[in-house]
Amino acid sequence: MLKINKVHHIAIICSDYEVSKHFYTKILGFEILAEAYRSERDSYKLDLALNGNYSIELFSFPNPPSRVSRPEACGLRHLAFEVDDIQKTRHYLVENNLNPEPLRTDEFTNKRFTFIADPDNLPIEFYEA
């Protein structure tokens, strides 16, 4: 059997690089590990970490095609981040005008969660620990 150690990173293509860079770094708190502009592709690549762990590659490309992401389209459904205090997290999201959904409870784990959308409407879930 194949041995996979962990998820290495998630790659996201954004439509507005500066808006998404601000969202992931200033709002969600990811730290920048490296940033590169690739002139041959007219593209940025931003490597982001969470708690010191390499997590997201944020790309920009000229005129990326739209992708259906809601509500139950085939493919990546959403990104989920674990949080310690879902009430505090939701309050922070409201304060930053991110329009979180009302809190829901997972019927199998009894843990609470909420969703927001990133600047390109990618669903992001916050799930209590």
Foldseek 3Di string as FASTA:
>chain_A
DDDDDDDQEAEEEDADVVQLVCCVCVQVNWDWPDWDQDVVQRKIWTFTHDPPGTYYIYMYGHPDDDDDADDDDPDDNAAEDEDADQVVVVVSCVVVVQPKDPWDADPVPRWIKIWGAGPSGGIYMYIYD
